[in-house]
Protein backbone atom coordinates (compact mmCIF):
# COMPACT_ATOMS: atom_id res chain seq x y z
CA MET A 1 13.18 -15.16 -81.19
CA THR A 2 12.91 -11.64 -79.82
CA LYS A 3 15.49 -9.96 -77.68
CA HIS A 4 13.00 -9.83 -74.77
CA ALA A 5 12.39 -13.61 -74.95
CA VAL A 6 16.14 -14.33 -74.93
CA LEU A 7 16.68 -12.09 -71.88
CA THR A 8 13.75 -13.66 -70.06
CA ARG A 9 15.00 -17.20 -70.82
CA THR A 10 18.55 -16.28 -69.79
CA THR A 11 17.30 -14.66 -66.59
CA MET A 12 15.25 -17.76 -65.73
CA ILE A 13 18.21 -20.09 -66.36
CA VAL A 14 20.50 -17.96 -64.18
CA ALA A 15 17.85 -17.82 -61.45
CA LEU A 16 17.45 -21.60 -61.60
CA PHE A 17 21.21 -22.20 -61.19
CA VAL A 18 21.48 -19.68 -58.37
CA SER A 19 18.53 -21.35 -56.61
CA LEU A 20 20.08 -24.81 -57.00
CA PHE A 21 23.39 -23.68 -55.53
CA ALA A 22 21.74 -21.71 -52.72
CA LEU A 23 19.38 -24.51 -51.72
CA GLY A 24 22.06 -27.15 -52.11
CA SER A 25 24.27 -25.39 -49.55
CA CYS A 26 21.57 -25.37 -46.83
CA THR A 27 22.12 -27.58 -43.83
CA LYS A 28 19.52 -28.89 -41.48
CA HIS A 29 20.02 -27.99 -37.81
CA VAL A 30 18.27 -30.08 -35.18
CA THR A 31 17.56 -28.43 -31.84
CA GLN A 32 17.04 -30.78 -28.94
CA VAL A 33 14.57 -29.56 -26.33
CA VAL A 34 15.09 -30.97 -22.84
CA ASP A 35 11.97 -31.23 -20.67
CA GLN A 36 13.02 -30.17 -17.18
CA GLY A 37 9.63 -30.42 -15.52
CA PHE A 38 8.01 -33.71 -14.60
CA SER A 39 4.82 -34.56 -12.75
CA ALA A 40 3.11 -37.62 -11.32
CA ILE A 41 -0.31 -38.17 -9.78
CA TYR A 42 -0.77 -40.20 -6.58
CA THR A 43 -4.02 -41.30 -4.96
CA ILE A 44 -3.97 -41.13 -1.17
CA LYS A 45 -6.67 -43.23 0.45
CA SER A 46 -7.96 -42.35 3.92
CA THR A 47 -6.27 -45.52 5.25
CA ASP A 48 -2.87 -44.36 3.93
CA TRP A 49 -2.59 -41.50 6.45
CA THR A 50 -0.67 -42.36 9.63
CA ALA A 51 -0.53 -40.55 12.97
CA ASP A 52 2.49 -38.26 13.16
CA THR A 53 3.44 -36.36 16.32
CA TYR A 54 5.51 -33.23 15.89
CA THR A 55 7.27 -32.11 19.07
CA GLY A 56 8.92 -28.91 17.92
CA THR A 57 8.97 -25.63 19.82
CA GLY A 58 6.97 -23.73 17.25
CA ALA A 59 9.71 -21.13 16.67
CA TYR A 60 10.50 -22.29 13.16
CA THR A 61 7.09 -23.49 12.00
CA GLY A 62 4.87 -20.91 13.65
CA LEU A 63 2.90 -23.73 15.29
CA PRO A 64 1.96 -23.65 18.99
CA PRO A 65 4.60 -25.18 21.29
CA GLY A 66 4.32 -28.75 22.45
CA PRO A 67 3.15 -31.94 20.75
CA ILE A 68 1.01 -31.45 17.69
CA ASN A 69 -1.25 -34.24 16.56
CA GLN A 70 -1.16 -34.57 12.84
CA TYR A 71 -1.48 -37.11 10.11
CA ALA A 72 1.01 -37.69 7.35
CA VAL A 73 1.79 -39.85 4.37
CA VAL A 74 5.18 -40.42 2.76
CA LEU A 75 5.08 -41.03 -0.98
CA ASN A 76 7.78 -43.11 -2.62
CA VAL A 77 9.05 -40.89 -5.44
CA PRO A 78 12.33 -42.34 -6.78
CA GLU A 79 12.67 -39.44 -9.25
CA VAL A 80 13.57 -37.19 -6.32
CA ASP A 81 17.27 -37.97 -6.46
CA ASP A 82 20.34 -36.25 -4.99
CA LYS A 83 20.46 -33.78 -7.90
CA ILE A 84 16.83 -32.70 -7.36
CA VAL A 85 17.35 -32.37 -3.60
CA ALA A 86 20.51 -30.29 -4.09
CA ASN A 87 19.44 -28.02 -6.97
CA GLY A 88 15.91 -28.75 -8.12
CA ALA A 89 12.45 -28.25 -6.68
CA VAL A 90 9.53 -30.41 -5.64
CA MET A 91 6.06 -28.87 -5.57
CA VAL A 92 2.98 -30.63 -4.24
CA TYR A 93 -0.67 -29.91 -5.02
CA LEU A 94 -3.65 -31.60 -3.37
CA SER A 95 -7.11 -32.17 -4.80
CA PHE A 96 -10.08 -33.03 -2.62
CA ASP A 97 -12.55 -33.16 -5.51
CA GLY A 98 -11.17 -35.93 -7.70
CA GLY A 99 -8.69 -33.78 -9.62
CA ASN A 100 -11.03 -30.97 -10.69
CA THR A 101 -9.13 -28.37 -8.66
CA TYR A 102 -5.75 -28.39 -6.88
CA ASP A 103 -4.41 -26.47 -3.86
CA ALA A 104 -0.67 -25.71 -3.79
CA LEU A 105 1.07 -26.67 -0.55
CA PRO A 106 1.60 -25.29 1.99
CA ALA A 107 -2.04 -24.35 2.40
CA GLU A 108 -4.62 -23.69 5.09
CA GLU A 109 -8.18 -24.85 4.49
CA GLY A 110 -11.00 -24.82 7.03
CA GLY A 111 -8.72 -24.60 10.08
CA VAL A 112 -6.39 -27.32 8.80
CA SER A 113 -2.82 -26.65 7.74
CA TYR A 114 -1.19 -28.84 5.05
CA ASN A 115 2.56 -28.98 4.63
CA THR A 116 5.11 -30.87 2.59
CA LEU A 117 8.77 -31.87 2.79
CA HIS A 118 10.96 -33.84 0.43
CA TRP A 119 14.18 -35.80 0.61
CA LYS A 120 15.83 -38.43 -1.58
CA ASN A 121 13.19 -40.81 -2.99
CA SER A 122 10.43 -39.41 -0.76
CA VAL A 123 7.76 -36.72 -0.51
CA TYR A 124 6.11 -36.12 2.86
CA ILE A 125 2.61 -34.62 3.09
CA GLY A 126 1.23 -33.78 6.51
CA PHE A 127 -1.73 -31.93 7.99
CA HIS A 128 -2.82 -30.71 11.42
CA THR A 129 -5.47 -28.43 12.85
CA LEU A 130 -4.54 -24.85 13.66
CA ASN A 131 -6.08 -25.05 17.15
CA GLY A 132 -4.07 -28.15 18.15
CA SER A 133 -7.01 -30.55 18.28
CA THR A 134 -6.81 -33.95 16.63
CA PRO A 135 -7.76 -33.54 12.96
CA SER A 136 -10.26 -35.72 11.15
CA LEU A 137 -9.04 -37.92 8.34
CA PRO A 138 -10.29 -37.10 4.84
CA SER A 139 -13.33 -39.25 4.13
CA ALA A 140 -12.59 -39.54 0.40
CA ASP A 141 -9.46 -40.14 -1.63
CA VAL A 142 -7.06 -37.20 -1.92
CA ILE A 143 -5.23 -36.74 -5.22
CA ALA A 144 -1.64 -35.51 -4.88
CA LYS A 145 0.13 -34.02 -7.88
CA VAL A 146 3.90 -33.99 -7.41
CA VAL A 147 5.82 -31.71 -9.77
CA ILE A 148 9.59 -32.12 -9.98
CA LEU A 149 11.75 -29.42 -11.53
CA ASP A 150 15.31 -30.16 -12.51
CA ALA A 151 17.68 -27.21 -12.38
CA THR A 152 21.29 -26.33 -13.04
CA PRO A 153 22.89 -24.34 -10.22
CA LEU A 154 24.01 -20.79 -11.00
CA ASN A 155 27.71 -20.13 -10.59
């Protein structure tokens, strides 16, 4: 056997042992990813909207003073808990074309203003005309996408 062959064999054996020890000391780390965004789709039929009279002064909302005729629906969303109300966020999107496109609320479309509120277990969606007249109910189903974001408060 030549000197070169012995060195090559010795080098390969050393490399094999080093590889075994190096790979044997590796540990597997598992990283858990927490999904903090959730969404749900709701179908609002034209019969689900109920008359809702707002009697505010208009100072906060920018609406004209006096009673405002509007329609509203309150969705039961049990995922909106105390933690979400205190530190998270609830975003609402409406689709008037079967879910092909969505408008983020609040929004104004064709002289109609859409707004949203949320509290524990509930999401309110309302709409009224900008000129104060009684609005027409949507003739087709409206798709509401409710997105809930969990958040940790900053200290």
